[in-house]
All heavy atoms as atom14 arrays in JSON, in Angstrom:
{
  "sequence": "EGITDIDIHDINYGKRLGYALKLLAVGKNSDSGIEVRVHPAFIKNSH",
  "atom14_mask": [
    [1, 1, 1, 1, 1, 1, 1, 1, 1, 0, 0, 0, 0, 0],
    [1, 1, 1, 1, 0, 0, 0, 0, 0, 0, 0, 0, 0, 0],
    [1, 1, 1, 1, 1, 1, 1, 1, 0, 0, 0, 0, 0, 0],
    [1, 1, 1, 1, 1, 1, 1, 0, 0, 0, 0, 0, 0, 0],
    [1, 1, 1, 1, 1, 1, 1, 1, 0, 0, 0, 0, 0, 0],
    [1, 1, 1, 1, 1, 1, 1, 1, 0, 0, 0, 0, 0, 0],
    [1, 1, 1, 1, 1, 1, 1, 1, 0, 0, 0, 0, 0, 0],
    [1, 1, 1, 1, 1, 1, 1, 1, 0, 0, 0, 0, 0, 0],
    [1, 1, 1, 1, 1, 1, 1, 1, 1, 1, 0, 0, 0, 0],
    [1, 1, 1, 1, 1, 1, 1, 1, 0, 0, 0, 0, 0, 0],
    [1, 1, 1, 1, 1, 1, 1, 1, 0, 0, 0, 0, 0, 0],
    [1, 1, 1, 1, 1, 1, 1, 1, 0, 0, 0, 0, 0, 0],
    [1, 1, 1, 1, 1, 1, 1, 1, 1, 1, 1, 1, 0, 0],
    [1, 1, 1, 1, 0, 0, 0, 0, 0, 0, 0, 0, 0, 0],
    [1, 1, 1, 1, 1, 1, 1, 1, 1, 0, 0, 0, 0, 0],
    [1, 1, 1, 1, 1, 1, 1, 1, 1, 1, 1, 0, 0, 0],
    [1, 1, 1, 1, 1, 1, 1, 1, 0, 0, 0, 0, 0, 0],
    [1, 1, 1, 1, 0, 0, 0, 0, 0, 0, 0, 0, 0, 0],
    [1, 1, 1, 1, 1, 1, 1, 1, 1, 1, 1, 1, 0, 0],
    [1, 1, 1, 1, 1, 0, 0, 0, 0, 0, 0, 0, 0, 0],
    [1, 1, 1, 1, 1, 1, 1, 1, 0, 0, 0, 0, 0, 0],
    [1, 1, 1, 1, 1, 1, 1, 1, 1, 0, 0, 0, 0, 0],
    [1, 1, 1, 1, 1, 1, 1, 1, 0, 0, 0, 0, 0, 0],
    [1, 1, 1, 1, 1, 1, 1, 1, 0, 0, 0, 0, 0, 0],
    [1, 1, 1, 1, 1, 0, 0, 0, 0, 0, 0, 0, 0, 0],
    [1, 1, 1, 1, 1, 1, 1, 0, 0, 0, 0, 0, 0, 0],
    [1, 1, 1, 1, 0, 0, 0, 0, 0, 0, 0, 0, 0, 0],
    [1, 1, 1, 1, 1, 1, 1, 1, 1, 0, 0, 0, 0, 0],
    [1, 1, 1, 1, 1, 1, 1, 1, 0, 0, 0, 0, 0, 0],
    [1, 1, 1, 1, 1, 1, 0, 0, 0, 0, 0, 0, 0, 0],
    [1, 1, 1, 1, 1, 1, 1, 1, 0, 0, 0, 0, 0, 0],
    [1, 1, 1, 1, 1, 1, 0, 0, 0, 0, 0, 0, 0, 0],
    [1, 1, 1, 1, 0, 0, 0, 0, 0, 0, 0, 0, 0, 0],
    [1, 1, 1, 1, 1, 1, 1, 1, 0, 0, 0, 0, 0, 0],
    [1, 1, 1, 1, 1, 1, 1, 1, 1, 0, 0, 0, 0, 0],
    [1, 1, 1, 1, 1, 1, 1, 0, 0, 0, 0, 0, 0, 0],
    [1, 1, 1, 1, 1, 1, 1, 1, 1, 1, 1, 0, 0, 0],
    [1, 1, 1, 1, 1, 1, 1, 0, 0, 0, 0, 0, 0, 0],
    [1, 1, 1, 1, 1, 1, 1, 1, 1, 1, 0, 0, 0, 0],
    [1, 1, 1, 1, 1, 1, 1, 0, 0, 0, 0, 0, 0, 0],
    [1, 1, 1, 1, 1, 0, 0, 0, 0, 0, 0, 0, 0, 0],
    [1, 1, 1, 1, 1, 1, 1, 1, 1, 1, 1, 0, 0, 0],
    [1, 1, 1, 1, 1, 1, 1, 1, 0, 0, 0, 0, 0, 0],
    [1, 1, 1, 1, 1, 1, 1, 1, 1, 0, 0, 0, 0, 0],
    [1, 1, 1, 1, 1, 1, 1, 1, 0, 0, 0, 0, 0, 0],
    [1, 1, 1, 1, 1, 1, 0, 0, 0, 0, 0, 0, 0, 0],
    [1, 1, 1, 1, 1, 1, 1, 1, 1, 1, 0, 0, 0, 0]
  ],
  "atom14_positions": [
    [[-129.55, -71.85, 42.12], [-130.06, -70.54, 42.51], [-128.97, -69.52, 42.19], [-127.81, -69.72, 42.56], [-130.39, -70.56, 44.0], [-131.07, -69.34, 44.54], [-131.35, -69.49, 46.04], [-131.91, -70.53, 46.45], [-130.97, -68.58, 46.79], [0.0, 0.0, 0.0], [0.0, 0.0, 0.0], [0.0, 0.0, 0.0], [0.0, 0.0, 0.0], [0.0, 0.0, 0.0]],
    [[-129.32, -68.43, 41.52], [-128.33, -67.45, 41.1], [-128.16, -66.29, 42.08], [-128.64, -66.33, 43.21], [0.0, 0.0, 0.0], [0.0, 0.0, 0.0], [0.0, 0.0, 0.0], [0.0, 0.0, 0.0], [0.0, 0.0, 0.0], [0.0, 0.0, 0.0], [0.0, 0.0, 0.0], [0.0, 0.0, 0.0], [0.0, 0.0, 0.0], [0.0, 0.0, 0.0]],
    [[-127.49, -65.23, 41.6], [-127.15, -64.1, 42.47], [-127.93, -62.83, 42.14], [-127.67, -61.78, 42.73], [-125.64, -63.79, 42.41], [-125.24, -63.27, 41.02], [-124.82, -65.01, 42.8], [-123.85, -62.64, 40.99], [0.0, 0.0, 0.0], [0.0, 0.0, 0.0], [0.0, 0.0, 0.0], [0.0, 0.0, 0.0], [0.0, 0.0, 0.0], [0.0, 0.0, 0.0]],
    [[-128.88, -62.91, 41.22], [-129.54, -61.69, 40.75], [-130.35, -60.98, 41.83], [-130.6, -59.78, 41.72], [-130.45, -62.0, 39.55], [-131.35, -63.07, 39.9], [-129.63, -62.44, 38.34], [0.0, 0.0, 0.0], [0.0, 0.0, 0.0], [0.0, 0.0, 0.0], [0.0, 0.0, 0.0], [0.0, 0.0, 0.0], [0.0, 0.0, 0.0], [0.0, 0.0, 0.0]],
    [[-130.75, -61.69, 42.87], [-131.55, -61.07, 43.94], [-130.71, -60.67, 45.15], [-131.26, -60.24, 46.18], [-132.66, -62.03, 44.39], [-133.71, -62.24, 43.31], [-133.94, -61.31, 42.52], [-134.3, -63.34, 43.27], [0.0, 0.0, 0.0], [0.0, 0.0, 0.0], [0.0, 0.0, 0.0], [0.0, 0.0, 0.0], [0.0, 0.0, 0.0], [0.0, 0.0, 0.0]],
    [[-129.4, -60.77, 45.04], [-128.55, -60.42, 46.17], [-128.59, -58.91, 46.41], [-128.43, -58.11, 45.48], [-127.09, -60.89, 45.93], [-127.02, -62.42, 45.94], [-126.16, -60.3, 46.99], [-127.44, -63.05, 47.24], [0.0, 0.0, 0.0], [0.0, 0.0, 0.0], [0.0, 0.0, 0.0], [0.0, 0.0, 0.0], [0.0, 0.0, 0.0], [0.0, 0.0, 0.0]],
    [[-128.8, -58.55, 47.66], [-128.91, -57.14, 48.05], [-127.64, -56.73, 48.8], [-127.12, -57.48, 49.63], [-130.14, -56.98, 48.96], [-130.5, -55.53, 49.21], [-129.66, -54.79, 49.74], [-131.65, -55.15, 48.87], [0.0, 0.0, 0.0], [0.0, 0.0, 0.0], [0.0, 0.0, 0.0], [0.0, 0.0, 0.0], [0.0, 0.0, 0.0], [0.0, 0.0, 0.0]],
    [[-127.16, -55.54, 48.51], [-125.94, -55.06, 49.15], [-126.09, -55.01, 50.67], [-125.12, -55.19, 51.41], [-125.54, -53.67, 48.6], [-124.17, -53.24, 49.13], [-126.6, -52.63, 48.9], [-123.04, -54.15, 48.73], [0.0, 0.0, 0.0], [0.0, 0.0, 0.0], [0.0, 0.0, 0.0], [0.0, 0.0, 0.0], [0.0, 0.0, 0.0], [0.0, 0.0, 0.0]],
    [[-127.33, -54.81, 51.16], [-127.54, -54.79, 52.61], [-127.15, -56.13, 53.24], [-126.58, -56.18, 54.33], [-129.0, -54.47, 52.93], [-129.39, -53.07, 52.58], [-130.07, -52.75, 51.44], [-129.18, -51.9, 53.23], [-130.28, -51.45, 51.4], [-129.74, -50.9, 52.47], [0.0, 0.0, 0.0], [0.0, 0.0, 0.0], [0.0, 0.0, 0.0], [0.0, 0.0, 0.0]],
    [[-127.46, -57.23, 52.54], [-127.13, -58.55, 53.09], [-125.62, -58.77, 53.1], [-125.08, -59.34, 54.06], [-127.83, -59.64, 52.27], [-129.34, -59.57, 52.41], [-129.82, -59.43, 53.54], [-130.03, -59.62, 51.38], [0.0, 0.0, 0.0], [0.0, 0.0, 0.0], [0.0, 0.0, 0.0], [0.0, 0.0, 0.0], [0.0, 0.0, 0.0], [0.0, 0.0, 0.0]],
    [[-124.94, -58.32, 52.06], [-123.48, -58.43, 52.06], [-122.88, -57.66, 53.23], [-121.98, -58.14, 53.92], [-122.91, -57.92, 50.71], [-123.29, -58.88, 49.58], [-121.39, -57.76, 50.79], [-122.82, -58.45, 48.21], [0.0, 0.0, 0.0], [0.0, 0.0, 0.0], [0.0, 0.0, 0.0], [0.0, 0.0, 0.0], [0.0, 0.0, 0.0], [0.0, 0.0, 0.0]],
    [[-123.41, -56.46, 53.49], [-122.89, -55.64, 54.58], [-123.18, -56.26, 55.95], [-122.31, -56.25, 56.84], [-123.47, -54.23, 54.49], [-122.92, -53.46, 53.3], [-121.82, -53.75, 52.83], [-123.67, -52.49, 52.82], [0.0, 0.0, 0.0], [0.0, 0.0, 0.0], [0.0, 0.0, 0.0], [0.0, 0.0, 0.0], [0.0, 0.0, 0.0], [0.0, 0.0, 0.0]],
    [[-124.38, -56.79, 56.14], [-124.68, -57.46, 57.41], [-123.8, -58.7, 57.57], [-123.33, -59.01, 58.68], [-126.16, -57.85, 57.48], [-127.08, -56.72, 57.83], [-128.12, -56.34, 56.97], [-126.93, -56.01, 59.02], [-128.97, -55.29, 57.28], [-127.78, -54.96, 59.35], [-128.8, -54.6, 58.47], [-129.64, -53.56, 58.79], [0.0, 0.0, 0.0], [0.0, 0.0, 0.0]],
    [[-123.58, -59.42, 56.48], [-122.71, -60.59, 56.53], [-121.31, -60.22, 56.97], [-120.68, -60.93, 57.78], [0.0, 0.0, 0.0], [0.0, 0.0, 0.0], [0.0, 0.0, 0.0], [0.0, 0.0, 0.0], [0.0, 0.0, 0.0], [0.0, 0.0, 0.0], [0.0, 0.0, 0.0], [0.0, 0.0, 0.0], [0.0, 0.0, 0.0], [0.0, 0.0, 0.0]],
    [[-120.8, -59.11, 56.47], [-119.46, -58.66, 56.87], [-119.41, -58.36, 58.37], [-118.42, -58.67, 59.04], [-119.07, -57.42, 56.06], [-118.77, -57.73, 54.59], [-118.73, -56.5, 53.72], [-117.49, -55.69, 53.93], [-117.39, -54.58, 52.96], [0.0, 0.0, 0.0], [0.0, 0.0, 0.0], [0.0, 0.0, 0.0], [0.0, 0.0, 0.0], [0.0, 0.0, 0.0]],
    [[-120.49, -57.78, 58.89], [-120.55, -57.5, 60.34], [-120.51, -58.8, 61.14], [-119.98, -58.84, 62.27], [-121.81, -56.71, 60.67], [-121.75, -55.27, 60.26], [-123.08, -54.56, 60.49], [-123.51, -54.57, 61.9], [-124.62, -53.98, 62.33], [-125.4, -53.33, 61.47], [-124.95, -54.04, 63.61], [0.0, 0.0, 0.0], [0.0, 0.0, 0.0], [0.0, 0.0, 0.0]],
    [[-121.06, -59.85, 60.57], [-121.11, -61.14, 61.27], [-119.85, -61.99, 61.01], [-119.74, -63.09, 61.55], [-122.35, -61.92, 60.81], [-123.69, -61.35, 61.27], [-124.84, -61.91, 60.44], [-123.92, -61.67, 62.76], [0.0, 0.0, 0.0], [0.0, 0.0, 0.0], [0.0, 0.0, 0.0], [0.0, 0.0, 0.0], [0.0, 0.0, 0.0], [0.0, 0.0, 0.0]],
    [[-118.93, -61.48, 60.18], [-117.71, -62.22, 59.9], [-117.81, -63.19, 58.75], [-117.09, -64.19, 58.7], [0.0, 0.0, 0.0], [0.0, 0.0, 0.0], [0.0, 0.0, 0.0], [0.0, 0.0, 0.0], [0.0, 0.0, 0.0], [0.0, 0.0, 0.0], [0.0, 0.0, 0.0], [0.0, 0.0, 0.0], [0.0, 0.0, 0.0], [0.0, 0.0, 0.0]],
    [[-118.7, -62.88, 57.78], [-118.91, -63.76, 56.64], [-118.54, -63.08, 55.32], [-118.61, -61.85, 55.19], [-120.39, -64.17, 56.53], [-120.94, -64.98, 57.67], [-122.05, -64.54, 58.41], [-120.37, -66.2, 58.02], [-122.57, -65.28, 59.45], [-120.89, -66.96, 59.07], [-121.98, -66.5, 59.78], [-122.5, -67.24, 60.81], [0.0, 0.0, 0.0], [0.0, 0.0, 0.0]],
    [[-118.19, -63.9, 54.34], [-118.06, -63.46, 52.95], [-119.15, -64.16, 52.15], [-119.49, -65.32, 52.43], [-116.69, -63.83, 52.4], [0.0, 0.0, 0.0], [0.0, 0.0, 0.0], [0.0, 0.0, 0.0], [0.0, 0.0, 0.0], [0.0, 0.0, 0.0], [0.0, 0.0, 0.0], [0.0, 0.0, 0.0], [0.0, 0.0, 0.0], [0.0, 0.0, 0.0]],
    [[-119.7, -63.47, 51.16], [-120.77, -64.05, 50.33], [-120.19, -64.53, 49.01], [-119.51, -63.77, 48.31], [-121.87, -63.03, 50.08], [-123.1, -63.57, 49.35], [-123.82, -64.61, 50.2], [-124.05, -62.45, 48.97], [0.0, 0.0, 0.0], [0.0, 0.0, 0.0], [0.0, 0.0, 0.0], [0.0, 0.0, 0.0], [0.0, 0.0, 0.0], [0.0, 0.0, 0.0]],
    [[-120.45, -65.78, 48.68], [-119.94, -66.38, 47.45], [-121.06, -67.19, 46.78], [-121.98, -67.66, 47.46], [-118.77, -67.33, 47.75], [-117.59, -66.69, 48.47], [-116.87, -65.68, 47.59], [-115.67, -65.08, 48.3], [-114.99, -64.06, 47.44], [0.0, 0.0, 0.0], [0.0, 0.0, 0.0], [0.0, 0.0, 0.0], [0.0, 0.0, 0.0], [0.0, 0.0, 0.0]],
    [[-120.97, -67.33, 45.46], [-121.81, -68.32, 44.78], [-121.05, -69.64, 44.89], [-119.99, -69.81, 44.28], [-122.05, -67.97, 43.32], [-122.96, -68.97, 42.59], [-124.41, -68.81, 43.03], [-122.86, -68.83, 41.08], [0.0, 0.0, 0.0], [0.0, 0.0, 0.0], [0.0, 0.0, 0.0], [0.0, 0.0, 0.0], [0.0, 0.0, 0.0], [0.0, 0.0, 0.0]],
    [[-121.59, -70.56, 45.67], [-120.9, -71.82, 45.94], [-121.54, -72.98, 45.19], [-122.77, -73.04, 45.03], [-120.92, -72.13, 47.43], [-120.11, -71.24, 48.36], [-120.15, -71.78, 49.78], [-118.67, -71.09, 47.89], [0.0, 0.0, 0.0], [0.0, 0.0, 0.0], [0.0, 0.0, 0.0], [0.0, 0.0, 0.0], [0.0, 0.0, 0.0], [0.0, 0.0, 0.0]],
    [[-120.7, -73.88, 44.75], [-121.14, -75.19, 44.26], [-120.79, -76.2, 45.33], [-119.62, -76.3, 45.74], [-120.44, -75.53, 42.95], [0.0, 0.0, 0.0], [0.0, 0.0, 0.0], [0.0, 0.0, 0.0], [0.0, 0.0, 0.0], [0.0, 0.0, 0.0], [0.0, 0.0, 0.0], [0.0, 0.0, 0.0], [0.0, 0.0, 0.0], [0.0, 0.0, 0.0]],
    [[-121.79, -76.9, 45.82], [-121.59, -77.81, 46.95], [-122.01, -79.22, 46.55], [-123.12, -79.44, 46.04], [-122.43, -77.36, 48.18], [-122.25, -78.35, 49.34], [-122.06, -75.95, 48.6], [0.0, 0.0, 0.0], [0.0, 0.0, 0.0], [0.0, 0.0, 0.0], [0.0, 0.0, 0.0], [0.0, 0.0, 0.0], [0.0, 0.0, 0.0], [0.0, 0.0, 0.0]],
    [[-121.13, -80.17, 46.76], [-121.44, -81.58, 46.54], [-121.06, -82.38, 47.77], [-119.96, -82.2, 48.31], [0.0, 0.0, 0.0], [0.0, 0.0, 0.0], [0.0, 0.0, 0.0], [0.0, 0.0, 0.0], [0.0, 0.0, 0.0], [0.0, 0.0, 0.0], [0.0, 0.0, 0.0], [0.0, 0.0, 0.0], [0.0, 0.0, 0.0], [0.0, 0.0, 0.0]],
    [[-121.97, -83.23, 48.25], [-121.7, -84.05, 49.42], [-122.14, -85.48, 49.16], [-123.15, -85.72, 48.5], [-122.44, -83.51, 50.65], [-121.98, -82.14, 51.11], [-122.72, -81.71, 52.37], [-122.25, -80.36, 52.86], [-122.96, -79.94, 54.09], [0.0, 0.0, 0.0], [0.0, 0.0, 0.0], [0.0, 0.0, 0.0], [0.0, 0.0, 0.0], [0.0, 0.0, 0.0]],
    [[-121.38, -86.41, 49.69], [-121.7, -87.82, 49.57], [-121.67, -88.44, 50.96], [-120.61, -88.59, 51.57], [-120.67, -88.52, 48.66], [-121.03, -89.96, 48.39], [-122.16, -90.38, 48.63], [-120.07, -90.72, 47.88], [0.0, 0.0, 0.0], [0.0, 0.0, 0.0], [0.0, 0.0, 0.0], [0.0, 0.0, 0.0], [0.0, 0.0, 0.0], [0.0, 0.0, 0.0]],
    [[-122.85, -88.76, 51.49], [-122.94, -89.29, 52.84], [-123.86, -90.5, 52.86], [-124.39, -90.92, 51.83], [-123.5, -88.21, 53.78], [-124.86, -87.92, 53.46], [0.0, 0.0, 0.0], [0.0, 0.0, 0.0], [0.0, 0.0, 0.0], [0.0, 0.0, 0.0], [0.0, 0.0, 0.0], [0.0, 0.0, 0.0], [0.0, 0.0, 0.0], [0.0, 0.0, 0.0]],
    [[-124.04, -91.06, 54.04], [-124.94, -92.21, 54.16], [-126.38, -91.85, 53.78], [-127.15, -92.72, 53.38], [-124.91, -92.74, 55.6], [-123.57, -93.35, 55.96], [-122.82, -93.73, 55.04], [-123.25, -93.44, 57.17], [0.0, 0.0, 0.0], [0.0, 0.0, 0.0], [0.0, 0.0, 0.0], [0.0, 0.0, 0.0], [0.0, 0.0, 0.0], [0.0, 0.0, 0.0]],
    [[-126.73, -90.57, 53.9], [-128.08, -90.13, 53.54], [-128.29, -90.05, 52.03], [-129.41, -90.03, 51.55], [-128.37, -88.76, 54.16], [-128.27, -88.83, 55.56], [0.0, 0.0, 0.0], [0.0, 0.0, 0.0], [0.0, 0.0, 0.0], [0.0, 0.0, 0.0], [0.0, 0.0, 0.0], [0.0, 0.0, 0.0], [0.0, 0.0, 0.0], [0.0, 0.0, 0.0]],
    [[-127.17, -89.97, 51.28], [-127.25, -89.86, 49.84], [-126.37, -88.75, 49.32], [-125.51, -88.21, 50.06], [0.0, 0.0, 0.0], [0.0, 0.0, 0.0], [0.0, 0.0, 0.0], [0.0, 0.0, 0.0], [0.0, 0.0, 0.0], [0.0, 0.0, 0.0], [0.0, 0.0, 0.0], [0.0, 0.0, 0.0], [0.0, 0.0, 0.0], [0.0, 0.0, 0.0]],
    [[-126.56, -88.38, 48.09], [-125.76, -87.35, 47.44], [-126.58, -86.06, 47.34], [-127.75, -86.09, 46.95], [-125.32, -87.8, 46.04], [-124.26, -88.91, 46.16], [-124.76, -86.63, 45.22], [-123.89, -89.57, 44.86], [0.0, 0.0, 0.0], [0.0, 0.0, 0.0], [0.0, 0.0, 0.0], [0.0, 0.0, 0.0], [0.0, 0.0, 0.0], [0.0, 0.0, 0.0]],
    [[-125.95, -84.96, 47.72], [-126.6, -83.66, 47.51], [-125.69, -82.78, 46.66], [-124.48, -82.75, 46.85], [-126.94, -82.97, 48.83], [-125.78, -82.63, 49.73], [-126.24, -81.93, 51.01], [-126.66, -82.65, 51.94], [-126.19, -80.69, 51.05], [0.0, 0.0, 0.0], [0.0, 0.0, 0.0], [0.0, 0.0, 0.0], [0.0, 0.0, 0.0], [0.0, 0.0, 0.0]],
    [[-126.3, -82.11, 45.7], [-125.56, -81.24, 44.79], [-126.36, -79.96, 44.62], [-127.52, -79.99, 44.23], [-125.3, -81.92, 43.43], [-124.09, -82.81, 43.47], [-126.51, -82.73, 42.95], [0.0, 0.0, 0.0], [0.0, 0.0, 0.0], [0.0, 0.0, 0.0], [0.0, 0.0, 0.0], [0.0, 0.0, 0.0], [0.0, 0.0, 0.0], [0.0, 0.0, 0.0]],
    [[-125.73, -78.84, 44.89], [-126.46, -77.58, 44.86], [-125.54, -76.41, 44.53], [-124.36, -76.41, 44.91], [-127.16, -77.34, 46.2], [-126.31, -77.62, 47.44], [-127.18, -77.68, 48.7], [-126.48, -78.21, 49.86], [-125.98, -77.46, 50.86], [-126.09, -76.15, 50.81], [-125.38, -78.03, 51.89], [0.0, 0.0, 0.0], [0.0, 0.0, 0.0], [0.0, 0.0, 0.0]],
    [[-126.09, -75.45, 43.83], [-125.39, -74.2, 43.5], [-126.26, -73.06, 43.99], [-127.43, -72.95, 43.61], [-125.17, -74.08, 41.97], [-124.68, -72.68, 41.61], [-124.19, -75.13, 41.48], [0.0, 0.0, 0.0], [0.0, 0.0, 0.0], [0.0, 0.0, 0.0], [0.0, 0.0, 0.0], [0.0, 0.0, 0.0], [0.0, 0.0, 0.0], [0.0, 0.0, 0.0]],
    [[-125.7, -72.2, 44.82], [-126.48, -71.09, 45.36], [-125.55, -70.1, 46.07], [-124.42, -70.45, 46.44], [-127.53, -71.6, 46.36], [-126.97, -72.47, 47.43], [-126.17, -71.99, 48.45], [-127.08, -73.8, 47.66], [-125.81, -72.98, 49.25], [-126.36, -74.1, 48.79], [0.0, 0.0, 0.0], [0.0, 0.0, 0.0], [0.0, 0.0, 0.0], [0.0, 0.0, 0.0]],
    [[-126.01, -68.87, 46.3], [-125.22, -67.95, 47.12], [-125.16, -68.47, 48.55], [-126.13, -69.07, 49.04], [-126.02, -66.64, 47.07], [-126.97, -66.79, 45.92], [-127.26, -68.26, 45.81], [0.0, 0.0, 0.0], [0.0, 0.0, 0.0], [0.0, 0.0, 0.0], [0.0, 0.0, 0.0], [0.0, 0.0, 0.0], [0.0, 0.0, 0.0], [0.0, 0.0, 0.0]],
    [[-124.05, -68.24, 49.21], [-123.9, -68.7, 50.59], [-122.89, -67.84, 51.32], [-121.93, -67.34, 50.72], [-123.47, -70.16, 50.64], [0.0, 0.0, 0.0], [0.0, 0.0, 0.0], [0.0, 0.0, 0.0], [0.0, 0.0, 0.0], [0.0, 0.0, 0.0], [0.0, 0.0, 0.0], [0.0, 0.0, 0.0], [0.0, 0.0, 0.0], [0.0, 0.0, 0.0]],
    [[-123.13, -67.66, 52.6], [-122.15, -67.03, 53.46], [-121.19, -68.09, 53.97], [-121.6, -69.2, 54.32], [-122.84, -66.37, 54.67], [-123.47, -65.04, 54.36], [-124.82, -64.83, 54.58], [-122.71, -63.98, 53.87], [-125.41, -63.6, 54.32], [-123.29, -62.74, 53.6], [-124.64, -62.56, 53.82], [0.0, 0.0, 0.0], [0.0, 0.0, 0.0], [0.0, 0.0, 0.0]],
    [[-119.91, -67.73, 54.0], [-118.9, -68.59, 54.6], [-118.05, -67.75, 55.55], [-117.81, -66.56, 55.3], [-117.99, -69.29, 53.56], [-117.45, -68.29, 52.54], [-118.71, -70.41, 52.86], [-116.5, -68.91, 51.53], [0.0, 0.0, 0.0], [0.0, 0.0, 0.0], [0.0, 0.0, 0.0], [0.0, 0.0, 0.0], [0.0, 0.0, 0.0], [0.0, 0.0, 0.0]],
    [[-117.61, -68.34, 56.64], [-116.8, -67.63, 57.63], [-115.52, -67.1, 56.99], [-114.91, -67.76, 56.15], [-116.46, -68.55, 58.8], [-117.57, -68.68, 59.84], [-117.68, -67.39, 60.66], [-118.66, -67.57, 61.82], [-118.83, -66.28, 62.56], [0.0, 0.0, 0.0], [0.0, 0.0, 0.0], [0.0, 0.0, 0.0], [0.0, 0.0, 0.0], [0.0, 0.0, 0.0]],
    [[-115.1, -65.93, 57.42], [-113.87, -65.33, 56.88], [-112.65, -66.2, 57.12], [-111.63, -66.05, 56.43], [-113.66, -63.94, 57.48], [-114.65, -62.93, 56.96], [-115.14, -63.04, 55.84], [-114.95, -61.92, 57.77], [0.0, 0.0, 0.0], [0.0, 0.0, 0.0], [0.0, 0.0, 0.0], [0.0, 0.0, 0.0], [0.0, 0.0, 0.0], [0.0, 0.0, 0.0]],
    [[-112.73, -67.09, 58.11], [-111.6, -67.98, 58.41], [-111.48, -69.14, 57.42], [-110.45, -69.81, 57.37], [-111.74, -68.54, 59.83], [-112.99, -69.22, 59.97], [0.0, 0.0, 0.0], [0.0, 0.0, 0.0], [0.0, 0.0, 0.0], [0.0, 0.0, 0.0], [0.0, 0.0, 0.0], [0.0, 0.0, 0.0], [0.0, 0.0, 0.0], [0.0, 0.0, 0.0]],
    [[-112.51, -69.36, 56.61], [-112.47, -70.45, 55.63], [-111.6, -70.04, 54.44], [-111.67, -68.89, 53.99], [-113.89, -70.79, 55.16], [-113.98, -72.09, 54.43], [-113.47, -72.29, 53.16], [-114.54, -73.28, 54.79], [-113.7, -73.53, 52.77], [-114.33, -74.15, 53.74], [0.0, 0.0, 0.0], [0.0, 0.0, 0.0], [0.0, 0.0, 0.0], [0.0, 0.0, 0.0]]
  ]
}
């Protein structure tokens, strides 16, 4: 999922909530299986 639909209002609300918006690539390997995804996501400013 890309960033073309990202609205500045969401970035501003995210900042109020203590988040930064990034296009993240996420890969996880758990007992449930492997998940791999690319999409915009909010992450805490402490990360």
